Amino acid sequence: MSFTPDQARAQFSALHQRVHDKPVVFLDGPGGSQVPQSVLEKMTAYLGHYNANLGGHYFSSQITTDVMQQAREHAQALLNA
């Protein structure tokens, strides 16, 4: 999937802000970065329903373990590791 710069910018809620009537720019560093709306929605859903430690025998922990495994697999594919 390919996005134009305007389409990419539209995905980030933080970039919809204006300061002195100009669009904001974030020069993020290692302390954090802006995330697209789709990530915020997934994080809110997870934290609101399943937030749990790994390795437990209860349903929310099992979901957390599954989410972590999927994340590892996606990272592995992204890095070709």
PDB file of N, CA and C in Angstrom:
ATOM      1  N   MET A   1       0.841  -1.167   0.000  1.00  0.00           N
ATOM      2  CA  MET A   1       0.000   0.000   0.000  1.00  0.00           C
ATOM      3  C   MET A   1       0.891   1.236   0.000  1.00  0.00           C
ATOM      4  N   SER A   2       0.526   2.185  -0.819  1.00  0.00           N
ATOM      5  CA  SER A   2       1.311   3.405  -0.944  1.00  0.00           C
ATOM      6  C   SER A   2       0.428   4.605  -0.614  1.00  0.00           C
ATOM      7  N   PHE A   3       0.997   5.550   0.122  1.00  0.00           N
ATOM      8  CA  PHE A   3       0.268   6.748   0.513  1.00  0.00           C
ATOM      9  C   PHE A   3       0.977   7.982  -0.022  1.00  0.00           C
ATOM     10  N   THR A   4       0.199   8.989  -0.396  1.00  0.00           N
ATOM     11  CA  THR A   4       0.788  10.297  -0.667  1.00  0.00           C
ATOM     12  C   THR A   4       1.139  10.914   0.686  1.00  0.00           C
ATOM     13  N   PRO A   5       1.982  11.934   0.718  1.00  0.00           N
ATOM     14  CA  PRO A   5       2.283  12.570   2.009  1.00  0.00           C
ATOM     15  C   PRO A   5       1.029  13.060   2.737  1.00  0.00           C
ATOM     16  N   ASP A   6       0.071  13.619   2.017  1.00  0.00           N
ATOM     17  CA  ASP A   6      -1.161  14.095   2.661  1.00  0.00           C
ATOM     18  C   ASP A   6      -1.984  12.939   3.214  1.00  0.00           C
ATOM     19  N   GLN A   7      -2.027  11.824   2.491  1.00  0.00           N
ATOM     20  CA  GLN A   7      -2.757  10.652   2.979  1.00  0.00           C
ATOM     21  C   GLN A   7      -2.080  10.070   4.225  1.00  0.00           C
ATOM     22  N   ALA A   8      -0.760  10.044   4.215  1.00  0.00           N
ATOM     23  CA  ALA A   8      -0.023   9.543   5.381  1.00  0.00           C
ATOM     24  C   ALA A   8      -0.256  10.455   6.570  1.00  0.00           C
ATOM     25  N   ARG A   9      -0.152  11.735   6.382  1.00  0.00           N
ATOM     26  CA  ARG A   9      -0.349  12.712   7.459  1.00  0.00           C
ATOM     27  C   ARG A   9      -1.757  12.592   8.041  1.00  0.00           C
ATOM     28  N   ALA A  10      -2.737  12.321   7.217  1.00  0.00           N
ATOM     29  CA  ALA A  10      -4.129  12.214   7.667  1.00  0.00           C
ATOM     30  C   ALA A  10      -4.334  11.061   8.646  1.00  0.00           C
ATOM     31  N   GLN A  11      -3.455  10.076   8.653  1.00  0.00           N
ATOM     32  CA  GLN A  11      -3.571   8.929   9.548  1.00  0.00           C
ATOM     33  C   GLN A  11      -3.200   9.263  10.996  1.00  0.00           C
ATOM     34  N   PHE A  12      -2.557  10.392  11.235  1.00  0.00           N
ATOM     35  CA  PHE A  12      -2.036  10.753  12.553  1.00  0.00           C
ATOM     36  C   PHE A  12      -2.853  11.881  13.167  1.00  0.00           C
ATOM     37  N   SER A  13      -3.589  11.561  14.219  1.00  0.00           N
ATOM     38  CA  SER A  13      -4.439  12.559  14.888  1.00  0.00           C
ATOM     39  C   SER A  13      -3.637  13.758  15.368  1.00  0.00           C
ATOM     40  N   ALA A  14      -2.449  13.524  15.887  1.00  0.00           N
ATOM     41  CA  ALA A  14      -1.623  14.612  16.415  1.00  0.00           C
ATOM     42  C   ALA A  14      -1.279  15.637  15.337  1.00  0.00           C
ATOM     43  N   LEU A  15      -1.274  15.224  14.104  1.00  0.00           N
ATOM     44  CA  LEU A  15      -0.904  16.126  13.014  1.00  0.00           C
ATOM     45  C   LEU A  15      -2.080  16.941  12.483  1.00  0.00           C
ATOM     46  N   HIS A  16      -3.244  16.770  13.088  1.00  0.00           N
ATOM     47  CA  HIS A  16      -4.408  17.566  12.689  1.00  0.00           C
ATOM     48  C   HIS A  16      -4.424  18.896  13.424  1.00  0.00           C
ATOM     49  N   GLN A  17      -3.491  19.094  14.337  1.00  0.00           N
ATOM     50  CA  GLN A  17      -3.433  20.317  15.125  1.00  0.00           C
ATOM     51  C   GLN A  17      -2.799  21.457  14.325  1.00  0.00           C
ATOM     52  N   ARG A  18      -3.126  22.668  14.764  1.00  0.00           N
ATOM     53  CA  ARG A  18      -2.510  23.855  14.168  1.00  0.00           C
ATOM     54  C   ARG A  18      -2.039  24.750  15.303  1.00  0.00           C
ATOM     55  N   VAL A  19      -0.895  25.371  15.115  1.00  0.00           N
ATOM     56  CA  VAL A  19      -0.349  26.324  16.070  1.00  0.00           C
ATOM     57  C   VAL A  19      -0.028  27.591  15.287  1.00  0.00           C
ATOM     58  N   HIS A  20      -0.557  28.712  15.752  1.00  0.00           N
ATOM     59  CA  HIS A  20      -0.394  29.989  15.033  1.00  0.00           C
ATOM     60  C   HIS A  20      -0.840  29.845  13.579  1.00  0.00           C
ATOM     61  N   ASP A  21      -1.939  29.107  13.419  1.00  0.00           N
ATOM     62  CA  ASP A  21      -2.562  28.876  12.110  1.00  0.00           C
ATOM     63  C   ASP A  21      -1.669  28.115  11.129  1.00  0.00           C
ATOM     64  N   LYS A  22      -0.723  27.364  11.642  1.00  0.00           N
ATOM     65  CA  LYS A  22       0.140  26.542  10.787  1.00  0.00           C
ATOM     66  C   LYS A  22       0.067  25.095  11.277  1.00  0.00           C
ATOM     67  N   PRO A  23       0.174  24.121  10.360  1.00  0.00           N
ATOM     68  CA  PRO A  23       0.149  22.727  10.792  1.00  0.00           C
ATOM     69  C   PRO A  23       1.377  22.390  11.634  1.00  0.00           C
ATOM     70  N   VAL A  24       1.166  21.529  12.624  1.00  0.00           N
ATOM     71  CA  VAL A  24       2.273  21.162  13.504  1.00  0.00           C
ATOM     72  C   VAL A  24       3.190  20.146  12.830  1.00  0.00           C
ATOM     73  N   VAL A  25       4.420  20.125  13.309  1.00  0.00           N
ATOM     74  CA  VAL A  25       5.419  19.169  12.864  1.00  0.00           C
ATOM     75  C   VAL A  25       6.059  18.591  14.113  1.00  0.00           C
ATOM     76  N   PHE A  26       6.241  17.284  14.164  1.00  0.00           N
ATOM     77  CA  PHE A  26       6.911  16.639  15.281  1.00  0.00           C
ATOM     78  C   PHE A  26       8.228  16.064  14.789  1.00  0.00           C
ATOM     79  N   LEU A  27       9.310  16.429  15.424  1.00  0.00           N
ATOM     80  CA  LEU A  27      10.621  15.850  15.134  1.00  0.00           C
ATOM     81  C   LEU A  27      10.919  14.889  16.284  1.00  0.00           C
ATOM     82  N   ASP A  28      10.246  13.746  16.241  1.00  0.00           N
ATOM     83  CA  ASP A  28      10.291  12.804  17.354  1.00  0.00           C
ATOM     84  C   ASP A  28      11.649  12.150  17.493  1.00  0.00           C
ATOM     85  N   GLY A  29      11.990  11.886  18.713  1.00  0.00           N
ATOM     86  CA  GLY A  29      13.241  11.215  19.042  1.00  0.00           C
ATOM     87  C   GLY A  29      12.958   9.889  19.727  1.00  0.00           C
ATOM     88  N   PRO A  30      13.961   9.332  20.375  1.00  0.00           N
ATOM     89  CA  PRO A  30      13.806   8.015  20.981  1.00  0.00           C
ATOM     90  C   PRO A  30      12.862   7.993  22.179  1.00  0.00           C
ATOM     91  N   GLY A  31      12.464   9.150  22.672  1.00  0.00           N
ATOM     92  CA  GLY A  31      11.560   9.201  23.810  1.00  0.00           C
ATOM     93  C   GLY A  31      10.114   8.896  23.449  1.00  0.00           C
ATOM     94  N   GLY A  32       9.813   8.828  22.199  1.00  0.00           N
ATOM     95  CA  GLY A  32       8.448   8.543  21.770  1.00  0.00           C
ATOM     96  C   GLY A  32       8.202   9.088  20.385  1.00  0.00           C
ATOM     97  N   SER A  33       7.115   8.665  19.801  1.00  0.00           N
ATOM     98  CA  SER A  33       6.760   9.157  18.481  1.00  0.00           C
ATOM     99  C   SER A  33       5.247   9.146  18.343  1.00  0.00           C
ATOM    100  N   GLN A  34       4.758   9.850  17.368  1.00  0.00           N
ATOM    101  CA  GLN A  34       3.328   9.900  17.099  1.00  0.00           C
ATOM    102  C   GLN A  34       2.907   8.577  16.466  1.00  0.00           C
ATOM    103  N   VAL A  35       1.659   8.195  16.707  1.00  0.00           N
ATOM    104  CA  VAL A  35       1.157   6.941  16.144  1.00  0.00           C
ATOM    105  C   VAL A  35      -0.107   7.212  15.341  1.00  0.00           C
ATOM    106  N   PRO A  36      -0.364   6.398  14.324  1.00  0.00           N
ATOM    107  CA  PRO A  36      -1.578   6.586  13.532  1.00  0.00           C
ATOM    108  C   PRO A  36      -2.825   6.216  14.336  1.00  0.00           C
ATOM    109  N   GLN A  37      -3.952   6.725  13.908  1.00  0.00           N
ATOM    110  CA  GLN A  37      -5.224   6.486  14.587  1.00  0.00           C
ATOM    111  C   GLN A  37      -5.512   4.990  14.721  1.00  0.00           C
ATOM    112  N   SER A  38      -5.167   4.193  13.733  1.00  0.00           N
ATOM    113  CA  SER A  38      -5.434   2.754  13.804  1.00  0.00           C
ATOM    114  C   SER A  38      -4.695   2.098  14.970  1.00  0.00           C
ATOM    115  N   VAL A  39      -3.489   2.575  15.273  1.00  0.00           N
ATOM    116  CA  VAL A  39      -2.731   2.051  16.410  1.00  0.00           C
ATOM    117  C   VAL A  39      -3.397   2.472  17.717  1.00  0.00           C
ATOM    118  N   LEU A  40      -3.819   3.722  17.810  1.00  0.00           N
ATOM    119  CA  LEU A  40      -4.515   4.184  19.010  1.00  0.00           C
ATOM    120  C   LEU A  40      -5.765   3.366  19.275  1.00  0.00           C
ATOM    121  N   GLU A  41      -6.506   3.061  18.219  1.00  0.00           N
ATOM    122  CA  GLU A  41      -7.730   2.274  18.378  1.00  0.00           C
ATOM    123  C   GLU A  41      -7.426   0.869  18.878  1.00  0.00           C
ATOM    124  N   LYS A  42      -6.395   0.232  18.331  1.00  0.00           N
ATOM    125  CA  LYS A  42      -6.019  -1.114  18.779  1.00  0.00           C
ATOM    126  C   LYS A  42      -5.528  -1.096  20.221  1.00  0.00           C
ATOM    127  N   MET A  43      -4.725  -0.088  20.568  1.00  0.00           N
ATOM    128  CA  MET A  43      -4.221   0.015  21.934  1.00  0.00           C
ATOM    129  C   MET A  43      -5.370   0.225  22.922  1.00  0.00           C
ATOM    130  N   THR A  44      -6.303   1.099  22.585  1.00  0.00           N
ATOM    131  CA  THR A  44      -7.447   1.358  23.455  1.00  0.00           C
ATOM    132  C   THR A  44      -8.283   0.099  23.647  1.00  0.00           C
ATOM    133  N   ALA A  45      -8.524  -0.631  22.570  1.00  0.00           N
ATOM    134  CA  ALA A  45      -9.302  -1.870  22.666  1.00  0.00           C
ATOM    135  C   ALA A  45      -8.595  -2.893  23.548  1.00  0.00           C
ATOM    136  N   TYR A  46      -7.301  -3.073  23.344  1.00  0.00           N
ATOM    137  CA  TYR A  46      -6.550  -4.039  24.148  1.00  0.00           C
ATOM    138  C   TYR A  46      -6.530  -3.619  25.620  1.00  0.00           C
ATOM    139  N   LEU A  47      -6.130  -2.384  25.895  1.00  0.00           N
ATOM    140  CA  LEU A  47      -6.014  -1.925  27.282  1.00  0.00           C
ATOM    141  C   LEU A  47      -7.366  -1.919  27.995  1.00  0.00           C
ATOM    142  N   GLY A  48      -8.419  -1.659  27.265  1.00  0.00           N
ATOM    143  CA  GLY A  48      -9.746  -1.615  27.865  1.00  0.00           C
ATOM    144  C   GLY A  48     -10.368  -2.964  28.127  1.00  0.00           C
ATOM    145  N   HIS A  49      -9.888  -3.998  27.447  1.00  0.00           N
ATOM    146  CA  HIS A  49     -10.524  -5.313  27.568  1.00  0.00           C
ATOM    147  C   HIS A  49      -9.623  -6.426  28.086  1.00  0.00           C
ATOM    148  N   TYR A  50      -8.329  -6.397  27.772  1.00  0.00           N
ATOM    149  CA  TYR A  50      -7.504  -7.583  28.008  1.00  0.00           C
ATOM    150  C   TYR A  50      -6.203  -7.330  28.738  1.00  0.00           C
ATOM    151  N   ASN A  51      -5.881  -6.132  29.133  1.00  0.00           N
ATOM    152  CA  ASN A  51      -4.581  -5.811  29.705  1.00  0.00           C
ATOM    153  C   ASN A  51      -4.224  -6.805  30.814  1.00  0.00           C
ATOM    154  N   ALA A  52      -3.188  -7.598  30.596  1.00  0.00           N
ATOM    155  CA  ALA A  52      -2.809  -8.637  31.563  1.00  0.00           C
ATOM    156  C   ALA A  52      -1.349  -9.009  31.394  1.00  0.00           C
ATOM    157  N   ASN A  53      -0.815  -9.676  32.400  1.00  0.00           N
ATOM    158  CA  ASN A  53       0.547 -10.202  32.329  1.00  0.00           C
ATOM    159  C   ASN A  53       0.581 -11.437  31.442  1.00  0.00           C
ATOM    160  N   LEU A  54       1.755 -11.698  30.907  1.00  0.00           N
ATOM    161  CA  LEU A  54       1.950 -12.905  30.098  1.00  0.00           C
ATOM    162  C   LEU A  54       2.007 -14.135  30.992  1.00  0.00           C
ATOM    163  N   GLY A  55       1.587 -15.281  30.454  1.00  0.00           N
ATOM    164  CA  GLY A  55       1.809 -16.555  31.114  1.00  0.00           C
ATOM    165  C   GLY A  55       0.756 -16.996  32.098  1.00  0.00           C
ATOM    166  N   GLY A  56      -0.297 -16.221  32.298  1.00  0.00           N
ATOM    167  CA  GLY A  56      -1.345 -16.635  33.221  1.00  0.00           C
ATOM    168  C   GLY A  56      -2.279 -17.646  32.576  1.00  0.00           C
ATOM    169  N   HIS A  57      -3.118 -18.260  33.393  1.00  0.00           N
ATOM    170  CA  HIS A  57      -4.051 -19.269  32.885  1.00  0.00           C
ATOM    171  C   HIS A  57      -5.461 -18.711  32.716  1.00  0.00           C
ATOM    172  N   TYR A  58      -5.589 -17.399  32.793  1.00  0.00           N
ATOM    173  CA  TYR A  58      -6.886 -16.772  32.626  1.00  0.00           C
ATOM    174  C   TYR A  58      -6.986 -16.200  31.217  1.00  0.00           C
ATOM    175  N   PHE A  59      -8.213 -15.954  30.779  1.00  0.00           N
ATOM    176  CA  PHE A  59      -8.452 -15.620  29.372  1.00  0.00           C
ATOM    177  C   PHE A  59      -7.690 -14.392  28.903  1.00  0.00           C
ATOM    178  N   SER A  60      -7.631 -13.321  29.715  1.00  0.00           N
ATOM    179  CA  SER A  60      -6.978 -12.102  29.252  1.00  0.00           C
ATOM    180  C   SER A  60      -5.469 -12.281  29.121  1.00  0.00           C
ATOM    181  N   SER A  61      -4.888 -13.100  29.958  1.00  0.00           N
ATOM    182  CA  SER A  61      -3.465 -13.393  29.837  1.00  0.00           C
ATOM    183  C   SER A  61      -3.194 -14.220  28.585  1.00  0.00           C
ATOM    184  N   GLN A  62      -4.072 -15.136  28.280  1.00  0.00           N
ATOM    185  CA  GLN A  62      -3.905 -15.944  27.068  1.00  0.00           C
ATOM    186  C   GLN A  62      -4.027 -15.080  25.814  1.00  0.00           C
ATOM    187  N   ILE A  63      -4.943 -14.116  25.836  1.00  0.00           N
ATOM    188  CA  ILE A  63      -5.062 -13.179  24.708  1.00  0.00           C
ATOM    189  C   ILE A  63      -3.807 -12.331  24.606  1.00  0.00           C
ATOM    190  N   THR A  64      -3.286 -11.864  25.740  1.00  0.00           N
ATOM    191  CA  THR A  64      -2.052 -11.083  25.745  1.00  0.00           C
ATOM    192  C   THR A  64      -0.904 -11.887  25.157  1.00  0.00           C
ATOM    193  N   THR A  65      -0.804 -13.152  25.535  1.00  0.00           N
ATOM    194  CA  THR A  65       0.247 -14.020  24.990  1.00  0.00           C
ATOM    195  C   THR A  65       0.094 -14.153  23.480  1.00  0.00           C
ATOM    196  N   ASP A  66      -1.125 -14.327  22.995  1.00  0.00           N
ATOM    197  CA  ASP A  66      -1.368 -14.427  21.552  1.00  0.00           C
ATOM    198  C   ASP A  66      -0.991 -13.137  20.832  1.00  0.00           C
ATOM    199  N   VAL A  67      -1.361 -11.989  21.401  1.00  0.00           N
ATOM    200  CA  VAL A  67      -1.036 -10.689  20.800  1.00  0.00           C
ATOM    201  C   VAL A  67       0.478 -10.514  20.722  1.00  0.00           C
ATOM    202  N   MET A  68       1.185 -10.858  21.784  1.00  0.00           N
ATOM    203  CA  MET A  68       2.648 -10.732  21.800  1.00  0.00           C
ATOM    204  C   MET A  68       3.283 -11.651  20.759  1.00  0.00           C
ATOM    205  N   GLN A  69       2.775 -12.875  20.627  1.00  0.00           N
ATOM    206  CA  GLN A  69       3.326 -13.803  19.642  1.00  0.00           C
ATOM    207  C   GLN A  69       3.111 -13.273  18.225  1.00  0.00           C
ATOM    208  N   GLN A  70       1.938 -12.735  17.967  1.00  0.00           N
ATOM    209  CA  GLN A  70       1.662 -12.156  16.645  1.00  0.00           C
ATOM    210  C   GLN A  70       2.593 -10.979  16.375  1.00  0.00           C
ATOM    211  N   ALA A  71       2.818 -10.140  17.372  1.00  0.00           N
ATOM    212  CA  ALA A  71       3.724  -9.000  17.207  1.00  0.00           C
ATOM    213  C   ALA A  71       5.136  -9.471  16.892  1.00  0.00           C
ATOM    214  N   ARG A  72       5.588 -10.500  17.576  1.00  0.00           N
ATOM    215  CA  ARG A  72       6.922 -11.044  17.312  1.00  0.00           C
ATOM    216  C   ARG A  72       7.027 -11.593  15.893  1.00  0.00           C
ATOM    217  N   GLU A  73       5.981 -12.274  15.450  1.00  0.00           N
ATOM    218  CA  GLU A  73       5.992 -12.824  14.092  1.00  0.00           C
ATOM    219  C   GLU A  73       6.004 -11.717  13.041  1.00  0.00           C
ATOM    220  N   HIS A  74       5.241 -10.661  13.288  1.00  0.00           N
ATOM    221  CA  HIS A  74       5.231  -9.533  12.345  1.00  0.00           C
ATOM    222  C   HIS A  74       6.590  -8.837  12.307  1.00  0.00           C
ATOM    223  N   ALA A  75       7.202  -8.652  13.468  1.00  0.00           N
ATOM    224  CA  ALA A  75       8.526  -8.039  13.526  1.00  0.00           C
ATOM    225  C   ALA A  75       9.557  -8.921  12.816  1.00  0.00           C
ATOM    226  N   GLN A  76       9.441 -10.218  13.020  1.00  0.00           N
ATOM    227  CA  GLN A  76      10.346 -11.162  12.355  1.00  0.00           C
ATOM    228  C   GLN A  76      10.223 -11.044  10.838  1.00  0.00           C
ATOM    229  N   ALA A  77       8.983 -10.988  10.357  1.00  0.00           N
ATOM    230  CA  ALA A  77       8.755 -10.866   8.908  1.00  0.00           C
ATOM    231  C   ALA A  77       9.279  -9.523   8.389  1.00  0.00           C
ATOM    232  N   LEU A  78       9.044  -8.458   9.146  1.00  0.00           N
ATOM    233  CA  LEU A  78       9.494  -7.135   8.727  1.00  0.00           C
ATOM    234  C   LEU A  78      11.010  -7.089   8.615  1.00  0.00           C
ATOM    235  N   LEU A  79      11.696  -7.703   9.566  1.00  0.00           N
ATOM    236  CA  LEU A  79      13.151  -7.670   9.598  1.00  0.00           C
ATOM    237  C   LEU A  79      13.802  -8.816   8.847  1.00  0.00           C
ATOM    238  N   ASN A  80      12.980  -9.719   8.320  1.00  0.00           N
ATOM    239  CA  ASN A  80      13.495 -10.901   7.622  1.00  0.00           C
ATOM    240  C   ASN A  80      14.471 -11.670   8.520  1.00  0.00           C
ATOM    241  N   ALA A  81      14.054 -11.830   9.771  1.00  0.00           N
ATOM    242  CA  ALA A  81      14.911 -12.484  10.764  1.00  0.00           C
ATOM    243  C   ALA A  81      14.499 -13.932  10.994  1.00  0.00           C
TER     244      ALA A  81
END
